Amino acid sequence: MSSVYSVAALAEHWGCGTDTVYSLIKSGDLPAFKLGGRLLRVRGDEVEKFECRTTTASNDTEASSPSSGTKTDDATDIRLERLIERPRKPQLVHSGSDAR
């Protein structure tokens, strides 16, 4: 069975903001489905397909030609590729209860 990502989990996985993920879903570049009528989820196999498409498109000279899409789509792909390839920063971990 394939994994399923929430928008927040996928944004964390890619090291980007949730706005970027929502933008990809809204544009149709990243297929998603609604869970319970409101919650958006993305299947793991769709994430893999998108990552492969993004990586392949950046290595393909034809994909960077003006006829391949709008400037916004190209810019989003480039930003997302940079975010995916960026090494993760160490996360601050809180232990115990935070009684504020």
PDB file of N, CA and C in Angstrom:
ATOM      1  N   MET A   1       0.842  -1.182   0.000  1.00  0.00           N
ATOM      2  CA  MET A   1       0.000   0.000   0.000  1.00  0.00           C
ATOM      3  C   MET A   1       0.887   1.244   0.000  1.00  0.00           C
ATOM      4  N   SER A   2       0.500   2.212  -0.784  1.00  0.00           N
ATOM      5  CA  SER A   2       1.276   3.431  -0.940  1.00  0.00           C
ATOM      6  C   SER A   2       1.031   4.383   0.228  1.00  0.00           C
ATOM      7  N   SER A   3       2.039   5.183   0.542  1.00  0.00           N
ATOM      8  CA  SER A   3       1.880   6.172   1.612  1.00  0.00           C
ATOM      9  C   SER A   3       1.040   7.341   1.103  1.00  0.00           C
ATOM     10  N   VAL A   4       0.482   8.084   2.035  1.00  0.00           N
ATOM     11  CA  VAL A   4      -0.341   9.247   1.723  1.00  0.00           C
ATOM     12  C   VAL A   4       0.197  10.420   2.531  1.00  0.00           C
ATOM     13  N   TYR A   5       0.351  11.564   1.873  1.00  0.00           N
ATOM     14  CA  TYR A   5       0.890  12.754   2.521  1.00  0.00           C
ATOM     15  C   TYR A   5      -0.192  13.804   2.731  1.00  0.00           C
ATOM     16  N   SER A   6      -0.159  14.457   3.864  1.00  0.00           N
ATOM     17  CA  SER A   6      -0.952  15.671   4.038  1.00  0.00           C
ATOM     18  C   SER A   6      -0.151  16.792   3.383  1.00  0.00           C
ATOM     19  N   VAL A   7      -0.788  17.923   3.168  1.00  0.00           N
ATOM     20  CA  VAL A   7      -0.083  19.054   2.559  1.00  0.00           C
ATOM     21  C   VAL A   7       1.082  19.488   3.447  1.00  0.00           C
ATOM     22  N   ALA A   8       0.846  19.548   4.753  1.00  0.00           N
ATOM     23  CA  ALA A   8       1.899  19.962   5.685  1.00  0.00           C
ATOM     24  C   ALA A   8       3.060  18.963   5.694  1.00  0.00           C
ATOM     25  N   ALA A   9       2.744  17.663   5.687  1.00  0.00           N
ATOM     26  CA  ALA A   9       3.795  16.640   5.700  1.00  0.00           C
ATOM     27  C   ALA A   9       4.611  16.688   4.414  1.00  0.00           C
ATOM     28  N   LEU A  10       3.942  16.915   3.291  1.00  0.00           N
ATOM     29  CA  LEU A  10       4.649  16.987   2.018  1.00  0.00           C
ATOM     30  C   LEU A  10       5.531  18.231   1.963  1.00  0.00           C
ATOM     31  N   ALA A  11       5.030  19.341   2.477  1.00  0.00           N
ATOM     32  CA  ALA A  11       5.836  20.571   2.523  1.00  0.00           C
ATOM     33  C   ALA A  11       7.080  20.354   3.375  1.00  0.00           C
ATOM     34  N   GLU A  12       6.918  19.657   4.494  1.00  0.00           N
ATOM     35  CA  GLU A  12       8.075  19.364   5.356  1.00  0.00           C
ATOM     36  C   GLU A  12       9.042  18.423   4.643  1.00  0.00           C
ATOM     37  N   HIS A  13       8.508  17.423   3.953  1.00  0.00           N
ATOM     38  CA  HIS A  13       9.334  16.458   3.212  1.00  0.00           C
ATOM     39  C   HIS A  13      10.178  17.169   2.154  1.00  0.00           C
ATOM     40  N   TRP A  14       9.577  18.142   1.473  1.00  0.00           N
ATOM     41  CA  TRP A  14      10.281  18.876   0.422  1.00  0.00           C
ATOM     42  C   TRP A  14      11.027  20.087   0.959  1.00  0.00           C
ATOM     43  N   GLY A  15      10.798  20.466   2.191  1.00  0.00           N
ATOM     44  CA  GLY A  15      11.470  21.640   2.755  1.00  0.00           C
ATOM     45  C   GLY A  15      10.963  22.943   2.184  1.00  0.00           C
ATOM     46  N   CYS A  16       9.655  22.991   1.883  1.00  0.00           N
ATOM     47  CA  CYS A  16       9.068  24.216   1.349  1.00  0.00           C
ATOM     48  C   CYS A  16       7.842  24.576   2.175  1.00  0.00           C
ATOM     49  N   GLY A  17       7.166  25.627   1.797  1.00  0.00           N
ATOM     50  CA  GLY A  17       5.963  26.030   2.510  1.00  0.00           C
ATOM     51  C   GLY A  17       4.730  25.326   1.971  1.00  0.00           C
ATOM     52  N   THR A  18       3.678  25.316   2.765  1.00  0.00           N
ATOM     53  CA  THR A  18       2.425  24.690   2.327  1.00  0.00           C
ATOM     54  C   THR A  18       1.834  25.429   1.133  1.00  0.00           C
ATOM     55  N   ASP A  19       2.102  26.729   1.014  1.00  0.00           N
ATOM     56  CA  ASP A  19       1.596  27.493  -0.130  1.00  0.00           C
ATOM     57  C   ASP A  19       2.115  26.929  -1.447  1.00  0.00           C
ATOM     58  N   THR A  20       3.365  26.484  -1.461  1.00  0.00           N
ATOM     59  CA  THR A  20       3.947  25.900  -2.664  1.00  0.00           C
ATOM     60  C   THR A  20       3.219  24.620  -3.037  1.00  0.00           C
ATOM     61  N   VAL A  21       2.931  23.785  -2.050  1.00  0.00           N
ATOM     62  CA  VAL A  21       2.235  22.521  -2.310  1.00  0.00           C
ATOM     63  C   VAL A  21       0.810  22.807  -2.795  1.00  0.00           C
ATOM     64  N   TYR A  22       0.111  23.721  -2.119  1.00  0.00           N
ATOM     65  CA  TYR A  22      -1.243  24.082  -2.550  1.00  0.00           C
ATOM     66  C   TYR A  22      -1.231  24.627  -3.981  1.00  0.00           C
ATOM     67  N   SER A  23      -0.229  25.420  -4.311  1.00  0.00           N
ATOM     68  CA  SER A  23      -0.112  25.978  -5.657  1.00  0.00           C
ATOM     69  C   SER A  23       0.055  24.875  -6.700  1.00  0.00           C
ATOM     70  N   LEU A  24       0.875  23.874  -6.396  1.00  0.00           N
ATOM     71  CA  LEU A  24       1.071  22.756  -7.323  1.00  0.00           C
ATOM     72  C   LEU A  24      -0.211  21.944  -7.494  1.00  0.00           C
ATOM     73  N   ILE A  25      -0.961  21.776  -6.410  1.00  0.00           N
ATOM     74  CA  ILE A  25      -2.224  21.041  -6.480  1.00  0.00           C
ATOM     75  C   ILE A  25      -3.237  21.840  -7.304  1.00  0.00           C
ATOM     76  N   LYS A  26      -3.332  23.132  -7.019  1.00  0.00           N
ATOM     77  CA  LYS A  26      -4.298  23.980  -7.723  1.00  0.00           C
ATOM     78  C   LYS A  26      -4.009  24.040  -9.223  1.00  0.00           C
ATOM     79  N   SER A  27      -2.740  24.064  -9.587  1.00  0.00           N
ATOM     80  CA  SER A  27      -2.369  24.135 -10.998  1.00  0.00           C
ATOM     81  C   SER A  27      -2.573  22.808 -11.724  1.00  0.00           C
ATOM     82  N   GLY A  28      -2.769  21.734 -10.962  1.00  0.00           N
ATOM     83  CA  GLY A  28      -2.966  20.424 -11.580  1.00  0.00           C
ATOM     84  C   GLY A  28      -1.669  19.659 -11.780  1.00  0.00           C
ATOM     85  N   ASP A  29      -0.543  20.249 -11.392  1.00  0.00           N
ATOM     86  CA  ASP A  29       0.740  19.574 -11.546  1.00  0.00           C
ATOM     87  C   ASP A  29       0.915  18.437 -10.552  1.00  0.00           C
ATOM     88  N   LEU A  30       0.226  18.517  -9.424  1.00  0.00           N
ATOM     89  CA  LEU A  30       0.324  17.504  -8.382  1.00  0.00           C
ATOM     90  C   LEU A  30      -1.087  17.030  -8.030  1.00  0.00           C
ATOM     91  N   PRO A  31      -1.465  15.835  -8.505  1.00  0.00           N
ATOM     92  CA  PRO A  31      -2.811  15.327  -8.212  1.00  0.00           C
ATOM     93  C   PRO A  31      -3.003  15.069  -6.720  1.00  0.00           C
ATOM     94  N   ALA A  32      -4.175  15.441  -6.223  1.00  0.00           N
ATOM     95  CA  ALA A  32      -4.511  15.245  -4.815  1.00  0.00           C
ATOM     96  C   ALA A  32      -5.975  14.823  -4.722  1.00  0.00           C
ATOM     97  N   PHE A  33      -6.360  14.362  -3.560  1.00  0.00           N
ATOM     98  CA  PHE A  33      -7.763  14.007  -3.336  1.00  0.00           C
ATOM     99  C   PHE A  33      -8.194  14.546  -1.984  1.00  0.00           C
ATOM    100  N   LYS A  34      -9.512  14.688  -1.831  1.00  0.00           N
ATOM    101  CA  LYS A  34     -10.053  15.201  -0.573  1.00  0.00           C
ATOM    102  C   LYS A  34     -10.440  14.028   0.319  1.00  0.00           C
ATOM    103  N   LEU A  35     -10.104  14.164   1.571  1.00  0.00           N
ATOM    104  CA  LEU A  35     -10.431  13.160   2.570  1.00  0.00           C
ATOM    105  C   LEU A  35     -11.452  13.780   3.510  1.00  0.00           C
ATOM    106  N   GLY A  36     -12.613  13.169   3.619  1.00  0.00           N
ATOM    107  CA  GLY A  36     -13.650  13.717   4.483  1.00  0.00           C
ATOM    108  C   GLY A  36     -14.240  15.002   3.951  1.00  0.00           C
ATOM    109  N   GLY A  37     -14.068  15.270   2.674  1.00  0.00           N
ATOM    110  CA  GLY A  37     -14.657  16.452   2.068  1.00  0.00           C
ATOM    111  C   GLY A  37     -13.810  17.706   2.123  1.00  0.00           C
ATOM    112  N   ARG A  38     -12.839  17.779   3.026  1.00  0.00           N
ATOM    113  CA  ARG A  38     -12.064  19.018   3.169  1.00  0.00           C
ATOM    114  C   ARG A  38     -10.558  18.819   3.153  1.00  0.00           C
ATOM    115  N   LEU A  39     -10.077  17.758   3.762  1.00  0.00           N
ATOM    116  CA  LEU A  39      -8.635  17.569   3.915  1.00  0.00           C
ATOM    117  C   LEU A  39      -8.016  17.072   2.616  1.00  0.00           C
ATOM    118  N   LEU A  40      -6.994  17.763   2.137  1.00  0.00           N
ATOM    119  CA  LEU A  40      -6.297  17.350   0.925  1.00  0.00           C
ATOM    120  C   LEU A  40      -5.193  16.362   1.264  1.00  0.00           C
ATOM    121  N   ARG A  41      -5.101  15.325   0.466  1.00  0.00           N
ATOM    122  CA  ARG A  41      -4.055  14.319   0.624  1.00  0.00           C
ATOM    123  C   ARG A  41      -3.448  14.027  -0.742  1.00  0.00           C
ATOM    124  N   VAL A  42      -2.171  13.660  -0.741  1.00  0.00           N
ATOM    125  CA  VAL A  42      -1.453  13.338  -1.971  1.00  0.00           C
ATOM    126  C   VAL A  42      -0.877  11.943  -1.810  1.00  0.00           C
ATOM    127  N   ARG A  43      -1.131  11.088  -2.782  1.00  0.00           N
ATOM    128  CA  ARG A  43      -0.615   9.715  -2.737  1.00  0.00           C
ATOM    129  C   ARG A  43       0.894   9.720  -2.962  1.00  0.00           C
ATOM    130  N   GLY A  44       1.568   8.811  -2.290  1.00  0.00           N
ATOM    131  CA  GLY A  44       3.022   8.705  -2.391  1.00  0.00           C
ATOM    132  C   GLY A  44       3.504   8.458  -3.803  1.00  0.00           C
ATOM    133  N   ASP A  45       2.756   7.645  -4.568  1.00  0.00           N
ATOM    134  CA  ASP A  45       3.183   7.384  -5.946  1.00  0.00           C
ATOM    135  C   ASP A  45       3.079   8.643  -6.808  1.00  0.00           C
ATOM    136  N   GLU A  46       2.113   9.531  -6.510  1.00  0.00           N
ATOM    137  CA  GLU A  46       2.015  10.803  -7.232  1.00  0.00           C
ATOM    138  C   GLU A  46       3.185  11.720  -6.874  1.00  0.00           C
ATOM    139  N   VAL A  47       3.610  11.671  -5.621  1.00  0.00           N
ATOM    140  CA  VAL A  47       4.775  12.453  -5.190  1.00  0.00           C
ATOM    141  C   VAL A  47       6.012  11.976  -5.944  1.00  0.00           C
ATOM    142  N   GLU A  48       6.195  10.655  -6.032  1.00  0.00           N
ATOM    143  CA  GLU A  48       7.343  10.106  -6.770  1.00  0.00           C
ATOM    144  C   GLU A  48       7.306  10.502  -8.232  1.00  0.00           C
ATOM    145  N   LYS A  49       6.141  10.403  -8.863  1.00  0.00           N
ATOM    146  CA  LYS A  49       6.008  10.783 -10.273  1.00  0.00           C
ATOM    147  C   LYS A  49       6.379  12.253 -10.462  1.00  0.00           C
ATOM    148  N   PHE A  50       5.879  13.113  -9.554  1.00  0.00           N
ATOM    149  CA  PHE A  50       6.171  14.541  -9.661  1.00  0.00           C
ATOM    150  C   PHE A  50       7.662  14.809  -9.500  1.00  0.00           C
ATOM    151  N   GLU A  51       8.269  14.175  -8.514  1.00  0.00           N
ATOM    152  CA  GLU A  51       9.706  14.369  -8.293  1.00  0.00           C
ATOM    153  C   GLU A  51      10.512  13.903  -9.493  1.00  0.00           C
ATOM    154  N   CYS A  52      10.121  12.796 -10.093  1.00  0.00           N
ATOM    155  CA  CYS A  52      10.828  12.302 -11.282  1.00  0.00           C
ATOM    156  C   CYS A  52      10.631  13.242 -12.460  1.00  0.00           C
ATOM    157  N   ARG A  53       9.400  13.738 -12.644  1.00  0.00           N
ATOM    158  CA  ARG A  53       9.121  14.681 -13.723  1.00  0.00           C
ATOM    159  C   ARG A  53       9.928  15.954 -13.548  1.00  0.00           C
ATOM    160  N   THR A  54       9.991  16.457 -12.335  1.00  0.00           N
ATOM    161  CA  THR A  54      10.711  17.699 -12.056  1.00  0.00           C
ATOM    162  C   THR A  54      12.199  17.520 -12.308  1.00  0.00           C
ATOM    163  N   THR A  55      12.758  16.419 -11.835  1.00  0.00           N
ATOM    164  CA  THR A  55      14.185  16.150 -12.031  1.00  0.00           C
ATOM    165  C   THR A  55      14.499  15.951 -13.498  1.00  0.00           C
ATOM    166  N   THR A  56      13.666  15.194 -14.206  1.00  0.00           N
ATOM    167  CA  THR A  56      13.869  14.934 -15.629  1.00  0.00           C
ATOM    168  C   THR A  56      13.746  16.213 -16.428  1.00  0.00           C
ATOM    169  N   ALA A  57      12.754  17.032 -16.107  1.00  0.00           N
ATOM    170  CA  ALA A  57      12.538  18.283 -16.843  1.00  0.00           C
ATOM    171  C   ALA A  57      13.717  19.230 -16.685  1.00  0.00           C
ATOM    172  N   SER A  58      14.336  19.247 -15.521  1.00  0.00           N
ATOM    173  CA  SER A  58      15.460  20.159 -15.326  1.00  0.00           C
ATOM    174  C   SER A  58      16.703  19.686 -16.068  1.00  0.00           C
ATOM    175  N   ASN A  59      16.797  18.392 -16.326  1.00  0.00           N
ATOM    176  CA  ASN A  59      17.945  17.850 -17.046  1.00  0.00           C
ATOM    177  C   ASN A  59      17.723  17.815 -18.542  1.00  0.00           C
ATOM    178  N   ASP A  60      16.507  18.022 -18.991  1.00  0.00           N
ATOM    179  CA  ASP A  60      16.144  17.945 -20.397  1.00  0.00           C
ATOM    180  C   ASP A  60      16.172  19.343 -20.997  1.00  0.00           C
ATOM    181  N   THR A  61      16.929  19.555 -22.056  1.00  0.00           N
ATOM    182  CA  THR A  61      17.038  20.891 -22.633  1.00  0.00           C
ATOM    183  C   THR A  61      15.747  21.305 -23.307  1.00  0.00           C
ATOM    184  N   GLU A  62      14.973  20.371 -23.853  1.00  0.00           N
ATOM    185  CA  GLU A  62      13.712  20.716 -24.486  1.00  0.00           C
ATOM    186  C   GLU A  62      12.699  21.228 -23.468  1.00  0.00           C
ATOM    187  N   ALA A  63      12.764  20.721 -22.258  1.00  0.00           N
ATOM    188  CA  ALA A  63      11.808  21.125 -21.230  1.00  0.00           C
ATOM    189  C   ALA A  63      11.996  22.586 -20.836  1.00  0.00           C
ATOM    190  N   SER A  64      13.180  23.131 -21.045  1.00  0.00           N
ATOM    191  CA  SER A  64      13.413  24.522 -20.668  1.00  0.00           C
ATOM    192  C   SER A  64      13.131  25.492 -21.814  1.00  0.00           C
ATOM    193  N   SER A  65      12.637  24.967 -22.949  1.00  0.00           N
ATOM    194  CA  SER A  65      12.328  25.844 -24.068  1.00  0.00           C
ATOM    195  C   SER A  65      11.051  26.626 -23.783  1.00  0.00           C
ATOM    196  N   PRO A  66      10.868  27.788 -24.436  1.00  0.00           N
ATOM    197  CA  PRO A  66       9.694  28.617 -24.175  1.00  0.00           C
ATOM    198  C   PRO A  66       8.373  27.913 -24.460  1.00  0.00           C
ATOM    199  N   SER A  67       8.350  26.927 -25.329  1.00  0.00           N
ATOM    200  CA  SER A  67       7.102  26.257 -25.676  1.00  0.00           C
ATOM    201  C   SER A  67       6.683  25.223 -24.630  1.00  0.00           C
ATOM    202  N   SER A  68       7.506  24.988 -23.613  1.00  0.00           N
ATOM    203  CA  SER A  68       7.201  23.937 -22.646  1.00  0.00           C
ATOM    204  C   SER A  68       6.195  24.364 -21.598  1.00  0.00           C
ATOM    205  N   GLY A  69       5.887  25.632 -21.466  1.00  0.00           N
ATOM    206  CA  GLY A  69       4.915  26.072 -20.464  1.00  0.00           C
ATOM    207  C   GLY A  69       5.093  27.530 -20.141  1.00  0.00           C
ATOM    208  N   THR A  70       4.366  27.978 -19.141  1.00  0.00           N
ATOM    209  CA  THR A  70       4.450  29.376 -18.758  1.00  0.00           C
ATOM    210  C   THR A  70       5.652  29.604 -17.867  1.00  0.00           C
ATOM    211  N   LYS A  71       6.019  30.860 -17.713  1.00  0.00           N
ATOM    212  CA  LYS A  71       7.152  31.194 -16.853  1.00  0.00           C
ATOM    213  C   LYS A  71       6.867  30.814 -15.410  1.00  0.00           C
ATOM    214  N   THR A  72       5.623  30.954 -14.970  1.00  0.00           N
ATOM    215  CA  THR A  72       5.258  30.627 -13.596  1.00  0.00           C
ATOM    216  C   THR A  72       5.493  29.150 -13.321  1.00  0.00           C
ATOM    217  N   ASP A  73       5.086  28.270 -14.253  1.00  0.00           N
ATOM    218  CA  ASP A  73       5.286  26.839 -14.068  1.00  0.00           C
ATOM    219  C   ASP A  73       6.766  26.495 -14.005  1.00  0.00           C
ATOM    220  N   ASP A  74       7.551  27.082 -14.888  1.00  0.00           N
ATOM    221  CA  ASP A  74       8.982  26.823 -14.891  1.00  0.00           C
ATOM    222  C   ASP A  74       9.626  27.310 -13.598  1.00  0.00           C
ATOM    223  N   ALA A  75       9.224  28.483 -13.140  1.00  0.00           N
ATOM    224  CA  ALA A  75       9.793  29.033 -11.911  1.00  0.00           C
ATOM    225  C   ALA A  75       9.432  28.170 -10.713  1.00  0.00           C
ATOM    226  N   THR A  76       8.194  27.683 -10.671  1.00  0.00           N
ATOM    227  CA  THR A  76       7.771  26.812  -9.576  1.00  0.00           C
ATOM    228  C   THR A  76       8.567  25.522  -9.598  1.00  0.00           C
ATOM    229  N   ASP A  77       8.763  24.941 -10.770  1.00  0.00           N
ATOM    230  CA  ASP A  77       9.537  23.702 -10.880  1.00  0.00           C
ATOM    231  C   ASP A  77      10.971  23.908 -10.413  1.00  0.00           C
ATOM    232  N   ILE A  78      11.569  25.008 -10.800  1.00  0.00           N
ATOM    233  CA  ILE A  78      12.958  25.277 -10.423  1.00  0.00           C
ATOM    234  C   ILE A  78      13.069  25.467  -8.915  1.00  0.00           C
ATOM    235  N   ARG A  79      12.133  26.254  -8.330  1.00  0.00           N
ATOM    236  CA  ARG A  79      12.146  26.467  -6.884  1.00  0.00           C
ATOM    237  C   ARG A  79      11.969  25.162  -6.144  1.00  0.00           C
ATOM    238  N   LEU A  80      11.005  24.348  -6.596  1.00  0.00           N
ATOM    239  CA  LEU A  80      10.740  23.087  -5.927  1.00  0.00           C
ATOM    240  C   LEU A  80      11.930  22.145  -6.046  1.00  0.00           C
ATOM    241  N   GLU A  81      12.561  22.118  -7.203  1.00  0.00           N
ATOM    242  CA  GLU A  81      13.736  21.268  -7.372  1.00  0.00           C
ATOM    243  C   GLU A  81      14.842  21.680  -6.405  1.00  0.00           C
ATOM    244  N   ARG A  82      15.056  22.968  -6.260  1.00  0.00           N
ATOM    245  CA  ARG A  82      16.076  23.442  -5.313  1.00  0.00           C
ATOM    246  C   ARG A  82      15.730  23.022  -3.891  1.00  0.00           C
ATOM    247  N   LEU A  83      14.447  23.126  -3.544  1.00  0.00           N
ATOM    248  CA  LEU A  83      14.012  22.757  -2.197  1.00  0.00           C
ATOM    249  C   LEU A  83      14.172  21.262  -1.950  1.00  0.00           C
ATOM    250  N   ILE A  84      13.878  20.452  -2.956  1.00  0.00           N
ATOM    251  CA  ILE A  84      13.995  19.007  -2.802  1.00  0.00           C
ATOM    252  C   ILE A  84      15.452  18.605  -2.629  1.00  0.00           C
ATOM    253  N   GLU A  85      16.347  19.251  -3.383  1.00  0.00           N
ATOM    254  CA  GLU A  85      17.760  18.891  -3.339  1.00  0.00           C
ATOM    255  C   GLU A  85      18.501  19.511  -2.159  1.00  0.00           C
ATOM    256  N   ARG A  86      17.901  20.495  -1.497  1.00  0.00           N
ATOM    257  CA  ARG A  86      18.549  21.186  -0.385  1.00  0.00           C
ATOM    258  C   ARG A  86      18.719  20.236   0.800  1.00  0.00           C
ATOM    259  N   PRO A  87      19.918  20.192   1.395  1.00  0.00           N
ATOM    260  CA  PRO A  87      20.098  19.353   2.578  1.00  0.00           C
ATOM    261  C   PRO A  87      19.249  19.875   3.723  1.00  0.00           C
ATOM    262  N   ARG A  88      18.726  18.970   4.505  1.00  0.00           N
ATOM    263  CA  ARG A  88      17.876  19.361   5.627  1.00  0.00           C
ATOM    264  C   ARG A  88      18.683  20.005   6.734  1.00  0.00           C
ATOM    265  N   LYS A  89      18.099  21.038   7.346  1.00  0.00           N
ATOM    266  CA  LYS A  89      18.713  21.686   8.489  1.00  0.00           C
ATOM    267  C   LYS A  89      18.323  20.914   9.745  1.00  0.00           C
ATOM    268  N   PRO A  90      19.182  20.897  10.736  1.00  0.00           N
ATOM    269  CA  PRO A  90      18.815  20.228  11.982  1.00  0.00           C
ATOM    270  C   PRO A  90      17.581  20.891  12.594  1.00  0.00           C
ATOM    271  N   GLN A  91      16.674  20.077  13.108  1.00  0.00           N
ATOM    272  CA  GLN A  91      15.441  20.577  13.709  1.00  0.00           C
ATOM    273  C   GLN A  91      15.611  20.685  15.211  1.00  0.00           C
ATOM    274  N   LEU A  92      15.027  21.715  15.798  1.00  0.00           N
ATOM    275  CA  LEU A  92      15.022  21.888  17.231  1.00  0.00           C
ATOM    276  C   LEU A  92      13.998  20.926  17.823  1.00  0.00           C
ATOM    277  N   VAL A  93      14.373  20.178  18.825  1.00  0.00           N
ATOM    278  CA  VAL A  93      13.464  19.214  19.417  1.00  0.00           C
ATOM    279  C   VAL A  93      13.147  19.667  20.840  1.00  0.00           C
ATOM    280  N   HIS A  94      11.849  19.720  21.144  1.00  0.00           N
ATOM    281  CA  HIS A  94      11.389  20.080  22.482  1.00  0.00           C
ATOM    282  C   HIS A  94      10.975  18.814  23.212  1.00  0.00           C
ATOM    283  N   SER A  95      11.397  18.695  24.448  1.00  0.00           N
ATOM    284  CA  SER A  95      10.976  17.542  25.227  1.00  0.00           C
ATOM    285  C   SER A  95      10.173  18.024  26.419  1.00  0.00           C
ATOM    286  N   GLY A  96       9.343  17.157  26.939  1.00  0.00           N
ATOM    287  CA  GLY A  96       8.512  17.529  28.076  1.00  0.00           C
ATOM    288  C   GLY A  96       7.329  18.365  27.646  1.00  0.00           C
ATOM    289  N   SER A  97       6.532  18.789  28.607  1.00  0.00           N
ATOM    290  CA  SER A  97       5.361  19.594  28.266  1.00  0.00           C
ATOM    291  C   SER A  97       5.741  21.073  28.281  1.00  0.00           C
ATOM    292  N   ASP A  98       5.116  21.793  27.426  1.00  0.00           N
ATOM    293  CA  ASP A  98       5.351  23.222  27.316  1.00  0.00           C
ATOM    294  C   ASP A  98       4.162  23.914  27.991  1.00  0.00           C
ATOM    295  N   ALA A  99       4.302  24.279  29.251  1.00  0.00           N
ATOM    296  CA  ALA A  99       3.200  24.835  30.030  1.00  0.00           C
ATOM    297  C   ALA A  99       3.211  26.349  29.978  1.00  0.00           C
ATOM    298  N   ARG A 100       2.954  26.909  28.836  1.00  0.00           N
ATOM    299  CA  ARG A 100       2.882  28.362  28.700  1.00  0.00           C
ATOM    300  C   ARG A 100       1.450  28.791  28.629  1.00  0.00           C
TER     301      ARG A 100
END
